[in-house]
C-alpha atoms as a PDB file:
ATOM      1  CA  UNK A   1      -0.019   0.033  -0.008  1.00  0.00           C
ATOM      2  CA  UNK A   2       1.518   3.303  -0.967  1.00  0.00           C
ATOM      3  CA  UNK A   3       1.767   6.277   1.337  1.00  0.00           C
ATOM      4  CA  UNK A   4      -1.031   8.248  -0.328  1.00  0.00           C
ATOM      5  CA  UNK A   5      -3.294   5.445   0.359  1.00  0.00           C
ATOM      6  CA  UNK A   6      -2.826   5.898   4.126  1.00  0.00           C
ATOM      7  CA  UNK A   7      -3.855   9.448   3.789  1.00  0.00           C
ATOM      8  CA  UNK A   8      -7.568  10.295   4.477  1.00  0.00           C
ATOM      9  CA  UNK A   9      -9.485  10.560   1.342  1.00  0.00           C
ATOM     10  CA  UNK A  10     -10.837  13.908   2.292  1.00  0.00           C
ATOM     11  CA  UNK A  11      -7.188  15.386   2.053  1.00  0.00           C
ATOM     12  CA  UNK A  12      -7.056  14.561  -1.696  1.00  0.00           C
ATOM     13  CA  UNK A  13      -9.212  17.221  -2.666  1.00  0.00           C
ATOM     14  CA  UNK A  14      -9.115  19.994   0.021  1.00  0.00           C
ATOM     15  CA  UNK A  15      -9.941  22.769  -2.495  1.00  0.00           C
ATOM     16  CA  UNK A  16     -12.642  20.783  -4.100  1.00  0.00           C
ATOM     17  CA  UNK A  17     -14.146  20.033  -0.884  1.00  0.00           C
ATOM     18  CA  UNK A  18     -13.877  23.765   0.234  1.00  0.00           C
ATOM     19  CA  UNK A  19     -15.696  24.795  -2.936  1.00  0.00           C
ATOM     20  CA  UNK A  20     -18.410  22.030  -2.264  1.00  0.00           C
ATOM     21  CA  UNK A  21     -18.827  23.387   1.195  1.00  0.00           C
ATOM     22  CA  UNK A  22     -19.135  26.986   0.221  1.00  0.00           C
ATOM     23  CA  UNK A  23     -21.487  26.272  -2.694  1.00  0.00           C
ATOM     24  CA  UNK A  24     -23.721  24.242  -0.344  1.00  0.00           C
ATOM     25  CA  UNK A  25     -23.726  27.051   2.338  1.00  0.00           C
ATOM     26  CA  UNK A  26     -24.332  29.776  -0.319  1.00  0.00           C
ATOM     27  CA  UNK A  27     -27.130  27.776  -1.548  1.00  0.00           C
ATOM     28  CA  UNK A  28     -28.767  27.291   1.676  1.00  0.00           C
ATOM     29  CA  UNK A  29     -28.234  31.065   2.492  1.00  0.00           C
ATOM     30  CA  UNK A  30     -30.024  31.876  -0.838  1.00  0.00           C
ATOM     31  CA  UNK A  31     -32.801  29.511   0.055  1.00  0.00           C
ATOM     32  CA  UNK A  32     -33.253  31.200   3.436  1.00  0.00           C
ATOM     33  CA  UNK A  33     -33.445  34.586   1.725  1.00  0.00           C
ATOM     34  CA  UNK A  34     -35.643  33.560  -1.155  1.00  0.00           C
ATOM     35  CA  UNK A  35     -38.280  31.283   0.811  1.00  0.00           C
ATOM     36  CA  UNK A  36     -40.191  34.242   2.081  1.00  0.00           C
ATOM     37  CA  UNK A  37     -41.004  35.347  -1.396  1.00  0.00           C
ATOM     38  CA  UNK A  38     -42.092  31.887  -2.479  1.00  0.00           C
ATOM     39  CA  UNK A  39     -39.010  30.925  -4.404  1.00  0.00           C
ATOM     40  CA  UNK A  40     -36.525  28.142  -4.017  1.00  0.00           C
ATOM     41  CA  UNK A  41     -32.733  28.661  -4.647  1.00  0.00           C
ATOM     42  CA  UNK A  42     -32.055  28.404  -8.486  1.00  0.00           C
ATOM     43  CA  UNK A  43     -35.676  29.399  -9.414  1.00  0.00           C
ATOM     44  CA  UNK A  44     -34.623  33.139  -9.120  1.00  0.00           C
ATOM     45  CA  UNK A  45     -32.103  32.654 -11.776  1.00  0.00           C
ATOM     46  CA  UNK A  46     -34.696  31.486 -14.245  1.00  0.00           C
ATOM     47  CA  UNK A  47     -36.819  34.470 -13.172  1.00  0.00           C
ATOM     48  CA  UNK A  48     -34.042  36.968 -13.630  1.00  0.00           C
ATOM     49  CA  UNK A  49     -33.681  35.804 -17.307  1.00  0.00           C
ATOM     50  CA  UNK A  50     -37.326  36.345 -17.854  1.00  0.00           C
ATOM     51  CA  UNK A  51     -37.240  39.709 -16.004  1.00  0.00           C
ATOM     52  CA  UNK A  52     -34.296  40.730 -18.076  1.00  0.00           C
ATOM     53  CA  UNK A  53     -35.131  39.297 -21.562  1.00  0.00           C
ATOM     54  CA  UNK A  54     -38.815  38.885 -21.508  1.00  0.00           C
ATOM     55  CA  UNK A  55     -40.660  35.578 -22.622  1.00  0.00           C
ATOM     56  CA  UNK A  56     -38.210  33.196 -23.829  1.00  0.00           C
ATOM     57  CA  UNK A  57     -38.434  29.712 -25.452  1.00  0.00           C
ATOM     58  CA  UNK A  58     -37.986  27.020 -22.924  1.00  0.00           C
ATOM     59  CA  UNK A  59     -34.917  25.708 -24.853  1.00  0.00           C
ATOM     60  CA  UNK A  60     -33.299  29.053 -24.513  1.00  0.00           C
ATOM     61  CA  UNK A  61     -33.741  29.062 -20.680  1.00  0.00           C
ATOM     62  CA  UNK A  62     -32.129  25.308 -20.669  1.00  0.00           C
ATOM     63  CA  UNK A  63     -29.267  26.765 -22.758  1.00  0.00           C
ATOM     64  CA  UNK A  64     -28.705  29.867 -20.602  1.00  0.00           C
ATOM     65  CA  UNK A  65     -29.046  28.128 -17.366  1.00  0.00           C
ATOM     66  CA  UNK A  66     -26.619  25.371 -18.351  1.00  0.00           C
ATOM     67  CA  UNK A  67     -28.631  22.570 -16.675  1.00  0.00           C
ATOM     68  CA  UNK A  68     -30.594  19.444 -17.713  1.00  0.00           C
ATOM     69  CA  UNK A  69     -33.793  19.957 -19.689  1.00  0.00           C
ATOM     70  CA  UNK A  70     -35.601  17.855 -17.201  1.00  0.00           C
ATOM     71  CA  UNK A  71     -34.422  20.191 -14.322  1.00  0.00           C
ATOM     72  CA  UNK A  72     -35.727  23.401 -16.127  1.00  0.00           C
ATOM     73  CA  UNK A  73     -38.942  21.634 -16.979  1.00  0.00           C
ATOM     74  CA  UNK A  74     -39.569  20.673 -13.319  1.00  0.00           C
ATOM     75  CA  UNK A  75     -38.535  24.236 -12.344  1.00  0.00           C
ATOM     76  CA  UNK A  76     -40.945  25.854 -14.858  1.00  0.00           C
ATOM     77  CA  UNK A  77     -43.796  23.612 -13.766  1.00  0.00           C
ATOM     78  CA  UNK A  78     -43.237  24.578 -10.169  1.00  0.00           C
ATOM     79  CA  UNK A  79     -43.086  28.224 -10.965  1.00  0.00           C
ATOM     80  CA  UNK A  80     -46.172  27.839 -13.035  1.00  0.00           C
ATOM     81  CA  UNK A  81     -48.072  26.019 -10.059  1.00  0.00           C
ATOM     82  CA  UNK A  82     -46.963  28.967  -7.825  1.00  0.00           C
ATOM     83  CA  UNK A  83     -48.351  31.583 -10.367  1.00  0.00           C
ATOM     84  CA  UNK A  84     -44.960  33.109 -11.231  1.00  0.00           C
ATOM     85  CA  UNK A  85     -44.763  32.044 -14.957  1.00  0.00           C
ATOM     86  CA  UNK A  86     -47.071  30.812 -17.608  1.00  0.00           C
ATOM     87  CA  UNK A  87     -46.284  28.714 -20.764  1.00  0.00           C
ATOM     88  CA  UNK A  88     -47.660  29.410 -24.082  1.00  0.00           C
ATOM     89  CA  UNK A  89     -46.966  28.004 -27.647  1.00  0.00           C
ATOM     90  CA  UNK A  90     -44.818  30.304 -29.812  1.00  0.00           C
ATOM     91  CA  UNK A  91     -46.847  32.051 -32.413  1.00  0.00           C
ATOM     92  CA  UNK A  92     -43.599  31.885 -34.711  1.00  0.00           C
ATOM     93  CA  UNK A  93     -42.779  28.271 -34.048  1.00  0.00           C
ATOM     94  CA  UNK A  94     -45.824  26.220 -32.836  1.00  0.00           C
ATOM     95  CA  UNK A  95     -43.558  23.540 -31.663  1.00  0.00           C
ATOM     96  CA  UNK A  96     -41.540  26.044 -29.291  1.00  0.00           C
ATOM     97  CA  UNK A  97     -42.936  26.785 -25.750  1.00  0.00           C
ATOM     98  CA  UNK A  98     -42.420  30.244 -24.566  1.00  0.00           C
ATOM     99  CA  UNK A  99     -42.135  30.884 -20.953  1.00  0.00           C
ATOM    100  CA  UNK A 100     -43.097  34.418 -19.535  1.00  0.00           C
ATOM    101  CA  UNK A 101     -43.192  35.932 -16.110  1.00  0.00           C
ATOM    102  CA  UNK A 102     -46.761  36.674 -14.641  1.00  0.00           C
ATOM    103  CA  UNK A 103     -47.644  39.891 -12.836  1.00  0.00           C
ATOM    104  CA  UNK A 104     -47.204  38.250  -9.536  1.00  0.00           C
ATOM    105  CA  UNK A 105     -43.521  37.352 -10.446  1.00  0.00           C
ATOM    106  CA  UNK A 106     -42.889  40.837 -11.716  1.00  0.00           C
ATOM    107  CA  UNK A 107     -44.049  42.164  -8.511  1.00  0.00           C
ATOM    108  CA  UNK A 108     -41.168  40.049  -6.624  1.00  0.00           C
ATOM    109  CA  UNK A 109     -38.447  41.636  -8.803  1.00  0.00           C
ATOM    110  CA  UNK A 110     -37.297  44.180  -6.330  1.00  0.00           C
ATOM    111  CA  UNK A 111     -37.504  41.756  -3.473  1.00  0.00           C
ATOM    112  CA  UNK A 112     -35.321  39.090  -5.177  1.00  0.00           C
ATOM    113  CA  UNK A 113     -32.830  41.854  -6.029  1.00  0.00           C
ATOM    114  CA  UNK A 114     -32.783  42.800  -2.465  1.00  0.00           C
ATOM    115  CA  UNK A 115     -32.331  39.245  -1.505  1.00  0.00           C
ATOM    116  CA  UNK A 116     -29.396  38.848  -3.746  1.00  0.00           C
ATOM    117  CA  UNK A 117     -27.852  42.095  -2.292  1.00  0.00           C
ATOM    118  CA  UNK A 118     -28.100  40.702   0.998  1.00  0.00           C
ATOM    119  CA  UNK A 119     -26.602  37.263   0.024  1.00  0.00           C
ATOM    120  CA  UNK A 120     -23.767  39.362  -1.742  1.00  0.00           C
ATOM    121  CA  UNK A 121     -23.225  41.207   1.665  1.00  0.00           C
ATOM    122  CA  UNK A 122     -23.290  38.035   3.994  1.00  0.00           C
ATOM    123  CA  UNK A 123     -20.780  36.048   1.473  1.00  0.00           C
ATOM    124  CA  UNK A 124     -18.179  38.896   1.088  1.00  0.00           C
ATOM    125  CA  UNK A 125     -18.458  40.065   4.668  1.00  0.00           C
ATOM    126  CA  UNK A 126     -14.935  41.006   5.870  1.00  0.00           C
ATOM    127  CA  UNK A 127     -13.318  41.091   2.536  1.00  0.00           C
ATOM    128  CA  UNK A 128     -12.190  44.449   1.204  1.00  0.00           C
ATOM    129  CA  UNK A 129     -12.589  45.560  -2.333  1.00  0.00           C
ATOM    130  CA  UNK A 130      -9.100  44.209  -3.495  1.00  0.00           C
ATOM    131  CA  UNK A 131     -10.084  40.748  -1.967  1.00  0.00           C
ATOM    132  CA  UNK A 132     -13.443  40.774  -3.627  1.00  0.00           C
ATOM    133  CA  UNK A 133     -11.928  41.532  -7.046  1.00  0.00           C
ATOM    134  CA  UNK A 134      -9.189  38.751  -6.585  1.00  0.00           C
ATOM    135  CA  UNK A 135     -12.041  36.357  -5.587  1.00  0.00           C
ATOM    136  CA  UNK A 136     -13.972  37.100  -8.757  1.00  0.00           C
ATOM    137  CA  UNK A 137     -10.710  36.901 -10.836  1.00  0.00           C
ATOM    138  CA  UNK A 138      -9.928  33.411  -9.188  1.00  0.00           C
ATOM    139  CA  UNK A 139     -13.365  32.072  -9.592  1.00  0.00           C
ATOM    140  CA  UNK A 140     -13.442  33.003 -13.192  1.00  0.00           C
ATOM    141  CA  UNK A 141     -10.256  31.092 -13.670  1.00  0.00           C
ATOM    142  CA  UNK A 142     -11.605  28.047 -11.886  1.00  0.00           C
ATOM    143  CA  UNK A 143     -14.952  28.413 -14.069  1.00  0.00           C
ATOM    144  CA  UNK A 144     -12.629  28.450 -17.112  1.00  0.00           C
ATOM    145  CA  UNK A 145     -10.864  25.382 -16.093  1.00  0.00           C
ATOM    146  CA  UNK A 146     -14.110  23.389 -15.392  1.00  0.00           C
ATOM    147  CA  UNK A 147     -15.748  24.596 -18.739  1.00  0.00           C
ATOM    148  CA  UNK A 148     -12.776  23.530 -20.929  1.00  0.00           C
ATOM    149  CA  UNK A 149     -13.337  20.297 -22.770  1.00  0.00           C
ATOM    150  CA  UNK A 150     -11.897  17.445 -21.120  1.00  0.00           C
ATOM    151  CA  UNK A 151      -8.269  16.653 -22.052  1.00  0.00           C
ATOM    152  CA  UNK A 152      -7.542  20.371 -22.663  1.00  0.00           C
ATOM    153  CA  UNK A 153      -5.291  21.302 -19.861  1.00  0.00           C
END
């Protein structure tokens, strides 16, 4: 048995574990801030696309959110049940389904923006402007690493 096999597995990916912990805590905090407005973490991202871009084909939302089609379908269904979106056939392409924000959802826009400002404050508490800029730069590099096709190192 080699020396690295005696090492705790958790030590093998310290950075990845830290990222996973931070992502989990960030999502839980977002959930806590959004729940009073009837949204779950992640749903606000779809709503932001609709608020900023107007009605959009569901396929475009899937592409922009970069998640499974089934995940977006469930999200849209739940948002529709909550009265925040409605789906309709596109007039230009009868096969396409357009998703649009309802008046109830549009009324939440400012509250969601405030929840995100609070999430940003909580997340970045104690970091000065230079540290915040460096964090954004480093996270951008990590994102680039993770979106690069495999084998392209």
